[in-house]
Amino acid sequence: MKNIVTIGGGTGTSQILRGLKWNLDVDIVSIVTVTDDGGSSGILREDFNILPPGDIRNNILALAEQETFLTKLLKFRFNEGFLKNHNLGNIILLALTRINGNNFPLAIKTLSEALKIKGRVFPASLDSLKLVAELDDGEIIFGETSIVLKNKNIKRIWLDGNAEAFDESVMAIQKADIIIFGPGSLYTSIIPNILVDGIRNAINLCKAKKVYIANIMTQPGETTNYSLKDHVQELENYLGEELDYIIANESNLPYEIIQRYQKMGSIPVKLDMEEDRRVVVSDLVYIINDEEPKIRHDPKKTSELILKCVQ
């Protein structure tokens, strides 16, 4: 039985969790960033003084034993009225937090047990955290959403105030055989976890294999024009150590999808570490045919490749 810890945010990490959960020989812990201040999570965080629930809800649903009426219900997003843009799962986590005496970890545990998830989901910290960035032009920006909206190169990021790691997150890292970073937003989903006091130290001290799953596309407002090497160097800079494996996509994307992403300022991440033996490339793309096609990591292919690398 391998102990696997994923470190990241919502959409990217959840794709990997969907693949890993079917392997009977792994125990999964997902450690999730709590700096989100946008959308439904940001509103609930501001109005009710709770940790942002969105990324945590995403990962809980990804680990659910099976797709049921309840999981579909928890994904529902309101499109009108005072609940517009709120996700029902976020509101349920808020309600469970209040029912359990404002105990957010217990709310996560309660929902996880109701869905019989294949693993556990922990926040990186129980502190209300605000992300701060210094841009290349010297401007200081507070708040994850504001940082991305500036759409400028980021020089460095840090957390405003003290941030103590959630004890169970640290213990999970200490027991880990494999630690997976990403995929997901480099500066707003992955690195914020490392900035929490105790998280990086636990990662550095543990003997787990460290695996980075690189994004398929660059992200406007965060990693514009970043190559694979740029992503890796920045992550290793904040980690203070080298990664053991770097997994990247090498498949060709449909031209019409690339065009649509280019209009949003996003391009495929350039592979420029071909001679680095740590780099493992494969066709990892999964196209979600939603209202508009979205590029994601294929859960099955990616999780199988991770386990093959570290076996």
Protein backbone atom coordinates (compact mmCIF):
# COMPACT_ATOMS: atom_id res chain seq x y z
CA MET A 1 0.00 0.00 0.00
CA LYS A 2 1.49 3.33 -1.12
CA ASN A 3 0.63 6.55 0.70
CA ILE A 4 0.00 9.26 -1.87
CA VAL A 5 -0.38 12.95 -1.05
CA THR A 6 -1.57 15.42 -3.67
CA ILE A 7 -0.87 19.11 -3.18
CA GLY A 8 -2.80 21.69 -5.17
CA GLY A 9 -6.17 23.23 -5.74
CA GLY A 10 -9.36 22.17 -7.45
CA THR A 11 -9.83 21.42 -11.14
CA GLY A 12 -6.37 20.10 -11.98
CA THR A 13 -5.84 18.01 -8.86
CA SER A 14 -9.36 16.59 -9.01
CA GLN A 15 -8.62 15.07 -12.43
CA ILE A 16 -5.70 13.14 -10.97
CA LEU A 17 -7.73 12.02 -7.96
CA ARG A 18 -10.38 10.57 -10.27
CA GLY A 19 -7.74 8.28 -11.73
CA LEU A 20 -5.89 7.37 -8.53
CA LYS A 21 -8.97 6.38 -6.54
CA TRP A 22 -9.50 3.20 -8.58
CA ASN A 23 -6.13 1.76 -7.55
CA LEU A 24 -6.67 -0.51 -4.56
CA ASP A 25 -3.03 -0.34 -3.52
CA VAL A 26 -2.92 3.35 -2.66
CA ASP A 27 -4.07 5.47 0.27
CA ILE A 28 -4.83 9.02 -0.88
CA VAL A 29 -4.70 12.32 0.97
CA SER A 30 -5.47 15.53 -0.91
CA ILE A 31 -4.06 18.72 0.65
CA VAL A 32 -5.86 21.76 -0.69
CA THR A 33 -4.96 25.45 -0.79
CA VAL A 34 -7.21 27.87 1.11
CA THR A 35 -6.30 31.22 -0.48
CA ASP A 36 -9.18 31.37 -2.97
CA ASP A 37 -11.06 34.68 -2.68
CA GLY A 38 -13.06 34.67 -5.91
CA GLY A 39 -16.48 33.48 -7.04
CA SER A 40 -18.76 31.54 -4.72
CA SER A 41 -15.90 30.59 -2.39
CA GLY A 42 -14.81 34.20 -2.01
CA ILE A 43 -18.33 35.39 -1.17
CA LEU A 44 -18.91 32.64 1.41
CA ARG A 45 -15.49 33.29 2.89
CA GLU A 46 -16.22 37.00 3.27
CA ASP A 47 -19.83 36.74 4.46
CA PHE A 48 -19.57 33.74 6.78
CA ASN A 49 -15.92 33.77 7.88
CA ILE A 50 -15.16 30.22 6.75
CA LEU A 51 -12.36 28.78 4.65
CA PRO A 52 -13.07 28.84 0.90
CA PRO A 53 -14.94 25.58 0.22
CA GLY A 54 -14.78 25.35 -3.59
CA ASP A 55 -11.50 23.51 -4.18
CA ILE A 56 -12.13 21.22 -1.22
CA ARG A 57 -15.58 20.37 -2.54
CA ASN A 58 -14.09 19.63 -5.98
CA ASN A 59 -11.64 17.14 -4.53
CA ILE A 60 -14.20 15.47 -2.28
CA LEU A 61 -16.46 14.86 -5.28
CA ALA A 62 -13.52 13.59 -7.34
CA LEU A 63 -12.82 10.94 -4.69
CA ALA A 64 -16.47 9.89 -4.29
CA GLU A 65 -16.97 6.14 -4.47
CA GLN A 66 -19.34 6.48 -7.38
CA GLU A 67 -21.33 9.05 -9.35
CA THR A 68 -24.71 9.24 -7.61
CA PHE A 69 -27.68 11.55 -7.48
CA LEU A 70 -26.06 13.21 -4.44
CA THR A 71 -22.75 13.93 -6.21
CA LYS A 72 -24.62 15.40 -9.16
CA LEU A 73 -26.68 17.53 -6.79
CA LEU A 74 -23.58 18.85 -5.03
CA LYS A 75 -22.17 20.01 -8.38
CA PHE A 76 -25.25 22.10 -9.15
CA ARG A 77 -24.60 25.80 -9.70
CA PHE A 78 -27.36 28.41 -9.41
CA ASN A 79 -27.76 30.77 -12.38
CA GLU A 80 -30.17 33.36 -10.99
CA GLY A 81 -31.39 35.24 -7.92
CA PHE A 82 -29.38 35.89 -4.77
CA LEU A 83 -27.75 32.46 -5.12
CA LYS A 84 -26.45 33.19 -8.62
CA ASN A 85 -23.02 31.60 -9.24
CA HIS A 86 -23.11 29.73 -5.92
CA ASN A 87 -22.43 26.01 -5.97
CA LEU A 88 -24.73 23.85 -3.84
CA GLY A 89 -21.78 21.80 -2.57
CA ASN A 90 -20.17 24.97 -1.21
CA ILE A 91 -23.35 25.89 0.62
CA ILE A 92 -23.63 22.36 2.05
CA LEU A 93 -20.08 22.61 3.41
CA LEU A 94 -20.99 25.94 5.00
CA ALA A 95 -24.08 24.37 6.59
CA LEU A 96 -22.09 21.38 7.87
CA THR A 97 -19.51 23.75 9.34
CA ARG A 98 -22.22 25.54 11.32
CA ILE A 99 -23.91 22.27 12.37
CA ASN A 100 -20.58 20.99 13.66
CA GLY A 101 -19.88 24.02 15.84
CA ASN A 102 -17.96 25.99 13.19
CA ASN A 103 -15.58 23.05 12.79
CA PHE A 104 -14.57 23.10 9.12
CA PRO A 105 -12.42 19.92 9.18
CA LEU A 106 -15.34 18.05 10.75
CA ALA A 107 -17.63 19.40 8.01
CA ILE A 108 -15.21 18.02 5.40
CA LYS A 109 -15.11 14.66 7.21
CA THR A 110 -18.92 14.51 7.45
CA LEU A 111 -19.42 15.16 3.73
CA SER A 112 -16.59 12.77 2.84
CA GLU A 113 -18.20 9.98 4.85
CA ALA A 114 -21.60 10.64 3.27
CA LEU A 115 -20.06 10.19 -0.19
CA LYS A 116 -17.85 7.26 0.89
CA ILE A 117 -14.81 8.85 -0.68
CA LYS A 118 -11.69 6.80 -1.48
CA GLY A 119 -9.25 8.89 0.54
CA ARG A 120 -9.19 12.01 2.68
CA VAL A 121 -9.22 15.74 1.94
CA PHE A 122 -7.48 18.25 4.23
CA PRO A 123 -6.99 22.02 4.06
CA ALA A 124 -3.36 23.15 4.09
CA SER A 125 -4.19 25.45 7.01
CA LEU A 126 -7.16 26.46 9.15
CA ASP A 127 -6.06 30.10 9.05
CA SER A 128 -7.79 32.59 6.78
CA LEU A 129 -5.01 33.28 4.28
CA LYS A 130 -4.51 36.07 1.79
CA LEU A 131 -2.05 35.69 -1.04
CA VAL A 132 0.26 38.61 -1.85
CA ALA A 133 2.33 39.09 -5.01
CA GLU A 134 5.07 41.41 -6.14
CA LEU A 135 4.86 41.93 -9.89
CA ASP A 136 7.82 42.46 -12.20
CA ASP A 137 7.14 46.20 -12.23
CA GLY A 138 7.34 46.36 -8.43
CA GLU A 139 3.60 46.67 -7.76
CA ILE A 140 2.29 44.79 -4.71
CA ILE A 141 -1.10 43.09 -5.11
CA PHE A 142 -3.22 41.54 -2.34
CA GLY A 143 -5.63 38.69 -3.04
CA GLU A 144 -5.56 35.74 -5.42
CA THR A 145 -8.24 37.07 -7.76
CA SER A 146 -6.68 40.53 -8.01
CA ILE A 147 -3.27 39.02 -8.76
CA VAL A 148 -4.62 37.02 -11.71
CA LEU A 149 -6.70 39.92 -13.03
CA LYS A 150 -3.59 42.13 -13.21
CA ASN A 151 -2.33 39.82 -15.96
CA LYS A 152 1.31 40.77 -15.35
CA ASN A 153 4.43 38.73 -14.70
CA ILE A 154 4.79 37.65 -11.07
CA LYS A 155 8.15 38.20 -9.40
CA ARG A 156 7.36 36.52 -6.08
CA ILE A 157 4.44 35.57 -3.84
CA TRP A 158 3.93 35.19 -0.10
CA LEU A 159 1.16 34.92 2.49
CA ASP A 160 -0.10 37.92 4.44
CA GLY A 161 0.29 37.13 8.13
CA ASN A 162 1.03 33.88 9.94
CA ALA A 163 -0.21 30.59 8.54
CA GLU A 164 0.08 27.43 10.61
CA ALA A 165 -0.24 24.10 8.84
CA PHE A 166 -3.19 21.83 9.64
CA ASP A 167 -1.73 19.06 11.80
CA GLU A 168 -3.28 16.21 9.82
CA SER A 169 -1.87 17.63 6.59
CA VAL A 170 1.63 17.59 8.07
CA MET A 171 1.20 14.04 9.36
CA ALA A 172 0.01 12.87 5.94
CA ILE A 173 3.13 14.36 4.30
CA GLN A 174 5.38 12.70 6.89
CA LYS A 175 3.90 9.29 6.01
CA ALA A 176 3.87 9.83 2.24
CA ASP A 177 5.60 7.56 -0.27
CA ILE A 178 4.67 9.82 -3.18
CA ILE A 179 3.89 13.56 -3.18
CA ILE A 180 2.20 14.92 -6.29
CA PHE A 181 2.22 18.63 -7.12
CA GLY A 182 -0.36 19.81 -9.62
CA PRO A 183 -1.58 20.02 -12.21
CA GLY A 184 -3.08 23.42 -11.54
CA SER A 185 -2.36 27.10 -11.19
CA LEU A 186 1.31 27.41 -10.27
CA TYR A 187 1.10 30.57 -8.16
CA THR A 188 -2.45 30.30 -6.80
CA SER A 189 -3.08 26.56 -6.35
CA ILE A 190 0.26 24.82 -5.80
CA ILE A 191 2.83 27.21 -4.31
CA PRO A 192 0.46 28.73 -1.66
CA ASN A 193 0.42 25.34 0.10
CA ILE A 194 4.22 25.33 0.26
CA LEU A 195 4.18 28.81 1.83
CA VAL A 196 2.22 27.56 4.87
CA ASP A 197 4.47 27.18 7.94
CA GLY A 198 5.27 23.50 8.44
CA ILE A 199 4.24 22.24 5.01
CA ARG A 200 7.51 22.84 3.18
CA ASN A 201 9.56 21.59 6.12
CA ALA A 202 7.54 18.35 6.21
CA ILE A 203 8.01 17.91 2.45
CA ASN A 204 11.76 18.50 2.70
CA LEU A 205 12.20 16.05 5.59
CA CYS A 206 10.13 13.18 4.19
CA LYS A 207 11.66 10.57 1.88
CA ALA A 208 8.72 10.49 -0.53
CA LYS A 209 9.24 10.71 -4.28
CA LYS A 210 8.22 14.21 -5.42
CA VAL A 211 6.31 14.33 -8.70
CA TYR A 212 5.25 17.43 -10.60
CA ILE A 213 2.48 17.13 -13.18
CA ALA A 214 2.99 20.06 -15.52
CA ASN A 215 0.09 22.02 -16.92
CA ILE A 216 -0.82 21.36 -20.54
CA MET A 217 -1.49 25.04 -21.23
CA THR A 218 -0.03 28.28 -19.87
CA GLN A 219 -2.30 30.38 -17.67
CA PRO A 220 -3.04 34.05 -18.40
CA GLY A 221 -2.24 36.25 -15.42
CA GLU A 222 0.11 33.68 -13.91
CA THR A 223 2.36 31.81 -16.33
CA THR A 224 2.07 33.65 -19.64
CA ASN A 225 4.65 32.20 -22.06
CA TYR A 226 6.17 29.97 -19.34
CA SER A 227 7.96 26.90 -20.67
CA LEU A 228 8.18 23.60 -18.80
CA LYS A 229 11.57 24.63 -17.40
CA ASP A 230 10.11 27.92 -16.13
CA HIS A 231 7.38 26.05 -14.24
CA VAL A 232 9.82 23.55 -12.74
CA GLN A 233 12.42 26.14 -11.71
CA GLU A 234 9.82 28.27 -9.96
CA LEU A 235 8.30 25.33 -8.08
CA GLU A 236 11.73 24.06 -7.02
CA ASN A 237 12.69 27.56 -5.91
CA TYR A 238 9.81 27.65 -3.42
CA LEU A 239 10.28 24.00 -2.42
CA GLY A 240 13.98 24.43 -1.77
CA GLU A 241 14.76 21.05 -3.32
CA GLU A 242 14.66 19.22 -6.63
CA LEU A 243 11.74 17.17 -7.87
CA ASP A 244 12.21 13.47 -8.60
CA TYR A 245 9.90 13.24 -11.61
CA ILE A 246 8.32 15.74 -13.98
CA ILE A 247 5.36 14.53 -16.02
CA ALA A 248 4.40 16.51 -19.12
CA ASN A 249 2.06 16.22 -22.06
CA GLU A 250 3.44 15.72 -25.57
CA SER A 251 0.27 15.14 -27.61
CA ASN A 252 -0.80 17.42 -30.43
CA LEU A 253 -3.92 19.41 -29.65
CA PRO A 254 -6.73 20.07 -32.17
CA TYR A 255 -6.04 23.32 -34.02
CA GLU A 256 -9.48 24.82 -33.32
CA ILE A 257 -9.03 24.28 -29.57
CA ILE A 258 -5.57 25.86 -29.61
CA GLN A 259 -7.07 28.86 -31.42
CA ARG A 260 -9.77 29.25 -28.78
CA TYR A 261 -7.22 29.13 -25.96
CA GLN A 262 -4.92 31.58 -27.77
CA LYS A 263 -7.73 34.13 -27.80
CA MET A 264 -7.71 33.89 -23.99
CA GLY A 265 -3.93 34.35 -23.86
CA SER A 266 -3.11 30.69 -23.29
CA ILE A 267 -0.76 28.47 -25.32
CA PRO A 268 0.60 24.90 -24.94
CA VAL A 269 3.46 24.67 -22.45
CA LYS A 270 6.69 24.35 -24.43
CA LEU A 271 8.74 21.24 -23.66
CA ASP A 272 12.34 22.41 -23.20
CA MET A 273 13.79 19.83 -20.78
CA GLU A 274 14.23 16.93 -23.20
CA GLU A 275 17.67 15.97 -21.84
CA ASP A 276 16.58 15.95 -18.20
CA ARG A 277 16.16 12.30 -17.15
CA ARG A 278 13.50 13.24 -14.63
CA VAL A 279 11.10 14.28 -17.38
CA VAL A 280 8.53 11.74 -18.56
CA VAL A 281 6.31 12.75 -21.49
CA SER A 282 3.19 11.09 -22.83
CA ASP A 283 -0.16 11.76 -24.46
CA LEU A 284 -2.16 12.91 -21.44
CA VAL A 285 -4.88 15.08 -22.97
CA TYR A 286 -8.56 14.62 -22.25
CA ILE A 287 -11.04 16.95 -23.98
CA ILE A 288 -14.18 17.78 -22.01
CA ASN A 289 -16.95 18.62 -24.47
CA ASP A 290 -18.83 21.12 -22.37
CA GLU A 291 -20.44 24.30 -23.74
CA GLU A 292 -16.95 24.94 -25.08
CA PRO A 293 -14.28 22.20 -25.27
CA LYS A 294 -11.85 22.28 -22.33
CA ILE A 295 -8.39 20.69 -22.11
CA ARG A 296 -7.80 18.50 -19.08
CA HIS A 297 -5.45 15.73 -17.99
CA ASP A 298 -6.77 12.25 -18.67
CA PRO A 299 -7.32 10.80 -15.16
CA LYS A 300 -6.57 7.17 -16.06
CA LYS A 301 -3.51 7.78 -18.25
CA THR A 302 -1.97 10.30 -15.87
CA SER A 303 -2.48 8.29 -12.68
CA GLU A 304 -1.10 5.14 -14.35
CA LEU A 305 1.98 7.03 -15.52
CA ILE A 306 2.61 8.42 -12.02
CA LEU A 307 2.49 4.96 -10.46
CA LYS A 308 4.66 3.51 -13.22
CA CYS A 309 7.35 6.16 -12.58
CA VAL A 310 7.59 5.53 -8.85
CA GLN A 311 7.00 1.78 -8.63
